[in-house]
Amino acid sequence: MTKEEWEKLEEERKQKDKDKHVKSDKNRKRRTTIVFRTTEKDREIIFSKIALSGLNRQDYMTDAILNAPIKVVATRNVIDQCKKELKNILAELRRINGYENMAEKDKYVLVMISQIIEAALKKSL
């Protein structure tokens, strides 16, 4: 094996090692952990759904949580949190001057708040 071939193989190995740690299509490492408790029965059901989905646990849970319908009871705390998030979003909109450049987190929050307002309006009719 020539020196060039060896260097190429070494470079490919290093790239594979880097790619192992990158799970999202935005090339970011997922470092944050979310933990919750459940009953043994619920755990079995959750793991059955994961196995049937063909996804790994992390991808299944992330997709399930981010794409689940929002069920909200409009308490004072929810209303206050919506106001706080709206202030943050307004500040961000003023900064970027457009929705297409908004941070992903703020887009999700904006959609969630819209859904909460829509649900509240439907309930009041």
N, C-alpha and C. Protein backbone atom coordinates (compact mmCIF):
# COMPACT_ATOMS: atom_id res chain seq x y z
N MET A 1 0.85 -1.18 0.00
CA MET A 1 0.00 0.00 0.00
C MET A 1 0.89 1.24 0.00
N THR A 2 0.57 2.17 -0.89
CA THR A 2 1.38 3.38 -0.98
C THR A 2 1.00 4.35 0.14
N LYS A 3 1.85 5.32 0.33
CA LYS A 3 1.61 6.34 1.35
C LYS A 3 0.32 7.11 1.06
N GLU A 4 0.07 7.43 -0.21
CA GLU A 4 -1.13 8.16 -0.60
C GLU A 4 -2.40 7.35 -0.30
N GLU A 5 -2.35 6.05 -0.63
CA GLU A 5 -3.50 5.18 -0.35
C GLU A 5 -3.75 5.09 1.15
N TRP A 6 -2.67 4.97 1.92
CA TRP A 6 -2.80 4.90 3.37
C TRP A 6 -3.43 6.18 3.93
N GLU A 7 -2.97 7.33 3.45
CA GLU A 7 -3.50 8.61 3.91
C GLU A 7 -4.98 8.75 3.53
N LYS A 8 -5.33 8.29 2.35
CA LYS A 8 -6.73 8.34 1.91
C LYS A 8 -7.61 7.47 2.81
N LEU A 9 -7.16 6.25 3.11
CA LEU A 9 -7.91 5.37 4.01
C LEU A 9 -8.04 5.98 5.41
N GLU A 10 -6.98 6.57 5.88
CA GLU A 10 -6.99 7.20 7.20
C GLU A 10 -7.98 8.37 7.23
N GLU A 11 -7.99 9.16 6.16
CA GLU A 11 -8.92 10.29 6.07
C GLU A 11 -10.37 9.80 6.03
N GLU A 12 -10.65 8.73 5.28
CA GLU A 12 -11.99 8.15 5.23
C GLU A 12 -12.43 7.63 6.60
N ARG A 13 -11.50 6.99 7.32
CA ARG A 13 -11.81 6.49 8.66
C ARG A 13 -12.16 7.63 9.61
N LYS A 14 -11.40 8.71 9.54
CA LYS A 14 -11.67 9.87 10.38
C LYS A 14 -13.03 10.48 10.05
N GLN A 15 -13.35 10.55 8.76
CA GLN A 15 -14.65 11.10 8.36
C GLN A 15 -15.79 10.21 8.86
N LYS A 16 -15.63 8.89 8.79
CA LYS A 16 -16.66 7.97 9.29
C LYS A 16 -16.86 8.16 10.79
N ASP A 17 -15.76 8.34 11.52
CA ASP A 17 -15.87 8.58 12.96
C ASP A 17 -16.64 9.86 13.24
N LYS A 18 -16.38 10.90 12.46
CA LYS A 18 -17.11 12.16 12.64
C LYS A 18 -18.59 11.96 12.32
N ASP A 19 -18.87 11.24 11.24
CA ASP A 19 -20.26 11.03 10.81
C ASP A 19 -21.06 10.20 11.79
N LYS A 20 -20.41 9.33 12.56
CA LYS A 20 -21.11 8.53 13.55
C LYS A 20 -21.80 9.39 14.60
N HIS A 21 -21.19 10.51 14.92
CA HIS A 21 -21.69 11.37 15.98
C HIS A 21 -22.68 12.42 15.50
N VAL A 22 -22.87 12.52 14.21
CA VAL A 22 -23.79 13.50 13.65
C VAL A 22 -25.05 12.77 13.22
N LYS A 23 -26.18 13.06 13.89
CA LYS A 23 -27.42 12.34 13.62
C LYS A 23 -28.43 13.15 12.83
N SER A 24 -28.39 14.45 12.91
CA SER A 24 -29.41 15.24 12.23
C SER A 24 -28.90 15.70 10.88
N ASP A 25 -29.85 16.07 10.02
CA ASP A 25 -29.46 16.53 8.71
C ASP A 25 -28.96 17.98 8.74
N LYS A 26 -28.90 18.59 9.88
CA LYS A 26 -28.38 19.95 9.99
C LYS A 26 -26.93 19.92 10.50
N ASN A 27 -26.33 18.74 10.52
CA ASN A 27 -24.94 18.56 10.95
C ASN A 27 -24.69 19.11 12.35
N ARG A 28 -25.57 18.79 13.26
CA ARG A 28 -25.35 19.18 14.65
C ARG A 28 -25.33 17.94 15.51
N LYS A 29 -24.57 18.00 16.58
CA LYS A 29 -24.52 16.89 17.51
C LYS A 29 -25.65 17.04 18.51
N ARG A 30 -26.29 15.94 18.83
CA ARG A 30 -27.36 15.96 19.82
C ARG A 30 -26.75 15.65 21.17
N ARG A 31 -26.61 16.66 21.98
CA ARG A 31 -25.94 16.51 23.27
C ARG A 31 -26.91 16.55 24.45
N THR A 32 -28.10 17.04 24.25
CA THR A 32 -29.04 17.23 25.34
C THR A 32 -29.86 15.96 25.57
N THR A 33 -30.06 15.62 26.84
CA THR A 33 -30.82 14.44 27.20
C THR A 33 -32.14 14.84 27.82
N ILE A 34 -33.21 14.14 27.44
CA ILE A 34 -34.52 14.34 28.05
C ILE A 34 -34.92 12.99 28.66
N VAL A 35 -35.28 13.02 29.93
CA VAL A 35 -35.62 11.80 30.65
C VAL A 35 -37.01 11.97 31.25
N PHE A 36 -37.81 10.89 31.21
CA PHE A 36 -39.10 10.93 31.88
C PHE A 36 -39.42 9.55 32.43
N ARG A 37 -40.32 9.51 33.39
CA ARG A 37 -40.71 8.25 34.02
C ARG A 37 -42.05 7.81 33.46
N THR A 38 -42.25 6.49 33.43
CA THR A 38 -43.50 5.92 32.95
C THR A 38 -43.75 4.59 33.66
N THR A 39 -44.93 4.06 33.48
CA THR A 39 -45.23 2.74 34.06
C THR A 39 -44.59 1.67 33.19
N GLU A 40 -44.46 0.48 33.74
CA GLU A 40 -43.88 -0.63 32.98
C GLU A 40 -44.75 -0.96 31.77
N LYS A 41 -46.07 -0.90 31.94
CA LYS A 41 -46.99 -1.19 30.85
C LYS A 41 -46.82 -0.17 29.71
N ASP A 42 -46.77 1.12 30.06
CA ASP A 42 -46.57 2.16 29.04
C ASP A 42 -45.22 2.00 28.35
N ARG A 43 -44.20 1.61 29.13
CA ARG A 43 -42.86 1.40 28.56
C ARG A 43 -42.90 0.31 27.50
N GLU A 44 -43.58 -0.79 27.80
CA GLU A 44 -43.68 -1.89 26.85
C GLU A 44 -44.40 -1.45 25.57
N ILE A 45 -45.46 -0.68 25.72
CA ILE A 45 -46.20 -0.19 24.55
C ILE A 45 -45.32 0.74 23.72
N ILE A 46 -44.62 1.65 24.40
CA ILE A 46 -43.74 2.59 23.70
C ILE A 46 -42.67 1.85 22.92
N PHE A 47 -42.03 0.85 23.55
CA PHE A 47 -40.96 0.12 22.88
C PHE A 47 -41.50 -0.75 21.75
N SER A 48 -42.71 -1.22 21.86
CA SER A 48 -43.34 -1.97 20.77
C SER A 48 -43.55 -1.06 19.57
N LYS A 49 -44.05 0.15 19.83
CA LYS A 49 -44.26 1.11 18.75
C LYS A 49 -42.94 1.47 18.08
N ILE A 50 -41.91 1.64 18.89
CA ILE A 50 -40.59 1.98 18.34
C ILE A 50 -40.10 0.84 17.45
N ALA A 51 -40.22 -0.39 17.92
CA ALA A 51 -39.76 -1.54 17.14
C ALA A 51 -40.51 -1.65 15.82
N LEU A 52 -41.80 -1.39 15.85
CA LEU A 52 -42.61 -1.48 14.63
C LEU A 52 -42.36 -0.33 13.66
N SER A 53 -41.85 0.78 14.18
CA SER A 53 -41.63 1.95 13.32
C SER A 53 -40.42 1.80 12.40
N GLY A 54 -39.46 0.98 12.82
CA GLY A 54 -38.23 0.86 12.04
C GLY A 54 -37.21 1.94 12.35
N LEU A 55 -37.56 2.84 13.25
CA LEU A 55 -36.65 3.91 13.65
C LEU A 55 -35.91 3.53 14.92
N ASN A 56 -34.80 4.22 15.20
CA ASN A 56 -34.17 4.02 16.50
C ASN A 56 -34.95 4.83 17.54
N ARG A 57 -34.68 4.57 18.81
CA ARG A 57 -35.43 5.23 19.89
C ARG A 57 -35.38 6.74 19.80
N GLN A 58 -34.20 7.26 19.60
CA GLN A 58 -34.01 8.72 19.58
C GLN A 58 -34.82 9.35 18.45
N ASP A 59 -34.73 8.81 17.26
CA ASP A 59 -35.46 9.38 16.13
C ASP A 59 -36.97 9.24 16.31
N TYR A 60 -37.41 8.08 16.84
CA TYR A 60 -38.84 7.88 17.05
C TYR A 60 -39.39 8.88 18.06
N MET A 61 -38.71 9.00 19.20
CA MET A 61 -39.18 9.90 20.26
C MET A 61 -39.16 11.35 19.79
N THR A 62 -38.10 11.75 19.13
CA THR A 62 -38.00 13.13 18.64
C THR A 62 -39.14 13.43 17.68
N ASP A 63 -39.37 12.53 16.73
CA ASP A 63 -40.44 12.73 15.75
C ASP A 63 -41.81 12.74 16.44
N ALA A 64 -42.02 11.80 17.36
CA ALA A 64 -43.32 11.71 18.04
C ALA A 64 -43.62 12.98 18.83
N ILE A 65 -42.62 13.50 19.51
CA ILE A 65 -42.83 14.69 20.34
C ILE A 65 -42.99 15.94 19.50
N LEU A 66 -42.14 16.11 18.51
CA LEU A 66 -42.19 17.34 17.71
C LEU A 66 -43.41 17.40 16.81
N ASN A 67 -43.96 16.25 16.43
CA ASN A 67 -45.08 16.24 15.50
C ASN A 67 -46.41 15.86 16.15
N ALA A 68 -46.42 15.73 17.46
CA ALA A 68 -47.66 15.38 18.17
C ALA A 68 -48.59 16.60 18.24
N PRO A 69 -49.91 16.36 18.18
CA PRO A 69 -50.83 17.48 18.36
C PRO A 69 -50.69 18.04 19.78
N ILE A 70 -50.89 19.32 19.91
CA ILE A 70 -50.73 19.97 21.20
C ILE A 70 -52.06 19.94 21.94
N LYS A 71 -52.05 19.47 23.17
CA LYS A 71 -53.23 19.48 24.02
C LYS A 71 -52.93 20.42 25.17
N VAL A 72 -53.69 21.50 25.26
CA VAL A 72 -53.39 22.55 26.23
C VAL A 72 -54.63 22.90 27.03
N VAL A 73 -54.41 23.09 28.32
CA VAL A 73 -55.42 23.68 29.18
C VAL A 73 -54.94 25.10 29.43
N ALA A 74 -55.71 26.08 28.98
CA ALA A 74 -55.26 27.47 29.03
C ALA A 74 -55.34 28.02 30.45
N THR A 75 -54.34 27.69 31.25
CA THR A 75 -54.24 28.23 32.60
C THR A 75 -53.50 29.56 32.55
N ARG A 76 -53.46 30.22 33.66
CA ARG A 76 -52.75 31.50 33.74
C ARG A 76 -51.27 31.32 33.38
N ASN A 77 -50.67 30.21 33.81
CA ASN A 77 -49.26 29.95 33.50
C ASN A 77 -49.04 29.80 31.99
N VAL A 78 -49.98 29.11 31.31
CA VAL A 78 -49.86 28.94 29.86
C VAL A 78 -49.96 30.29 29.16
N ILE A 79 -50.92 31.10 29.59
CA ILE A 79 -51.10 32.43 28.99
C ILE A 79 -49.86 33.28 29.21
N ASP A 80 -49.32 33.26 30.44
CA ASP A 80 -48.10 34.03 30.73
C ASP A 80 -46.92 33.54 29.89
N GLN A 81 -46.80 32.22 29.72
CA GLN A 81 -45.71 31.67 28.92
C GLN A 81 -45.87 32.08 27.45
N CYS A 82 -47.11 32.07 26.96
CA CYS A 82 -47.36 32.51 25.58
C CYS A 82 -46.96 33.97 25.39
N LYS A 83 -47.31 34.81 26.37
CA LYS A 83 -46.92 36.22 26.29
C LYS A 83 -45.40 36.37 26.25
N LYS A 84 -44.72 35.60 27.10
CA LYS A 84 -43.27 35.67 27.15
C LYS A 84 -42.67 35.24 25.81
N GLU A 85 -43.17 34.14 25.27
CA GLU A 85 -42.65 33.65 24.00
C GLU A 85 -42.97 34.62 22.86
N LEU A 86 -44.17 35.22 22.89
CA LEU A 86 -44.52 36.20 21.86
C LEU A 86 -43.59 37.41 21.90
N LYS A 87 -43.21 37.84 23.10
CA LYS A 87 -42.26 38.95 23.21
C LYS A 87 -40.92 38.57 22.59
N ASN A 88 -40.47 37.33 22.87
CA ASN A 88 -39.21 36.87 22.29
C ASN A 88 -39.30 36.79 20.77
N ILE A 89 -40.42 36.29 20.27
CA ILE A 89 -40.60 36.17 18.83
C ILE A 89 -40.69 37.54 18.18
N LEU A 90 -41.40 38.46 18.81
CA LEU A 90 -41.49 39.82 18.28
C LEU A 90 -40.11 40.46 18.19
N ALA A 91 -39.32 40.28 19.24
CA ALA A 91 -37.96 40.82 19.22
C ALA A 91 -37.15 40.18 18.09
N GLU A 92 -37.32 38.88 17.91
CA GLU A 92 -36.59 38.18 16.85
C GLU A 92 -37.06 38.64 15.47
N LEU A 93 -38.37 38.82 15.30
CA LEU A 93 -38.89 39.30 14.02
C LEU A 93 -38.37 40.69 13.70
N ARG A 94 -38.31 41.53 14.70
CA ARG A 94 -37.77 42.87 14.48
C ARG A 94 -36.30 42.80 14.08
N ARG A 95 -35.59 41.85 14.68
CA ARG A 95 -34.17 41.70 14.39
C ARG A 95 -33.94 41.20 12.96
N ILE A 96 -34.67 40.18 12.57
CA ILE A 96 -34.41 39.56 11.26
C ILE A 96 -35.28 40.11 10.15
N ASN A 97 -36.38 40.74 10.53
CA ASN A 97 -37.25 41.39 9.55
C ASN A 97 -37.87 40.39 8.57
N GLY A 98 -38.22 39.18 9.04
CA GLY A 98 -38.88 38.22 8.17
C GLY A 98 -38.92 36.83 8.75
N TYR A 99 -39.98 36.07 8.46
CA TYR A 99 -40.19 34.73 8.99
C TYR A 99 -39.19 33.71 8.45
N GLU A 100 -38.79 33.84 7.19
CA GLU A 100 -37.94 32.82 6.59
C GLU A 100 -36.57 32.70 7.25
N ASN A 101 -36.12 33.74 7.94
CA ASN A 101 -34.82 33.71 8.60
C ASN A 101 -34.94 33.42 10.11
N MET A 102 -36.14 33.12 10.57
CA MET A 102 -36.37 32.90 12.00
C MET A 102 -35.71 31.60 12.48
N ALA A 103 -35.24 31.60 13.71
CA ALA A 103 -34.65 30.40 14.30
C ALA A 103 -35.70 29.30 14.39
N GLU A 104 -35.27 28.05 14.21
CA GLU A 104 -36.20 26.91 14.20
C GLU A 104 -37.02 26.83 15.48
N LYS A 105 -36.40 27.08 16.62
CA LYS A 105 -37.11 27.02 17.90
C LYS A 105 -38.26 28.02 17.92
N ASP A 106 -38.00 29.21 17.42
CA ASP A 106 -39.04 30.24 17.41
C ASP A 106 -40.15 29.92 16.43
N LYS A 107 -39.82 29.25 15.32
CA LYS A 107 -40.85 28.83 14.37
C LYS A 107 -41.79 27.83 15.04
N TYR A 108 -41.20 26.85 15.76
CA TYR A 108 -42.02 25.87 16.47
C TYR A 108 -42.92 26.54 17.51
N VAL A 109 -42.35 27.46 18.26
CA VAL A 109 -43.12 28.15 19.29
C VAL A 109 -44.25 28.96 18.65
N LEU A 110 -43.97 29.62 17.55
CA LEU A 110 -44.99 30.41 16.86
C LEU A 110 -46.14 29.51 16.39
N VAL A 111 -45.81 28.36 15.83
CA VAL A 111 -46.85 27.42 15.39
C VAL A 111 -47.65 26.92 16.59
N MET A 112 -46.97 26.60 17.69
CA MET A 112 -47.66 26.12 18.89
C MET A 112 -48.62 27.18 19.43
N ILE A 113 -48.17 28.41 19.50
CA ILE A 113 -49.02 29.49 20.00
C ILE A 113 -50.22 29.69 19.08
N SER A 114 -49.99 29.60 17.78
CA SER A 114 -51.11 29.72 16.83
C SER A 114 -52.14 28.63 17.07
N GLN A 115 -51.67 27.41 17.31
CA GLN A 115 -52.58 26.30 17.56
C GLN A 115 -53.34 26.49 18.87
N ILE A 116 -52.68 27.03 19.87
CA ILE A 116 -53.33 27.29 21.15
C ILE A 116 -54.43 28.34 20.97
N ILE A 117 -54.12 29.40 20.24
CA ILE A 117 -55.11 30.46 20.00
C ILE A 117 -56.28 29.91 19.20
N GLU A 118 -55.99 29.11 18.15
CA GLU A 118 -57.04 28.51 17.36
C GLU A 118 -57.96 27.62 18.21
N ALA A 119 -57.37 26.81 19.08
CA ALA A 119 -58.16 25.94 19.95
C ALA A 119 -59.01 26.75 20.91
N ALA A 120 -58.46 27.82 21.44
CA ALA A 120 -59.20 28.67 22.36
C ALA A 120 -60.38 29.32 21.64
N LEU A 121 -60.15 29.74 20.40
CA LEU A 121 -61.24 30.36 19.63
C LEU A 121 -62.33 29.35 19.32
N LYS A 122 -61.97 28.14 18.97
CA LYS A 122 -62.96 27.10 18.69
C LYS A 122 -63.80 26.79 19.92
N LYS A 123 -63.14 26.76 21.09
CA LYS A 123 -63.84 26.46 22.33
C LYS A 123 -64.85 27.55 22.70
N SER A 124 -64.49 28.79 22.37
CA SER A 124 -65.35 29.91 22.77
C SER A 124 -66.56 30.07 21.84
N LEU A 125 -66.55 29.38 20.69
CA LEU A 125 -67.68 29.51 19.75
C LEU A 125 -68.86 28.70 20.16
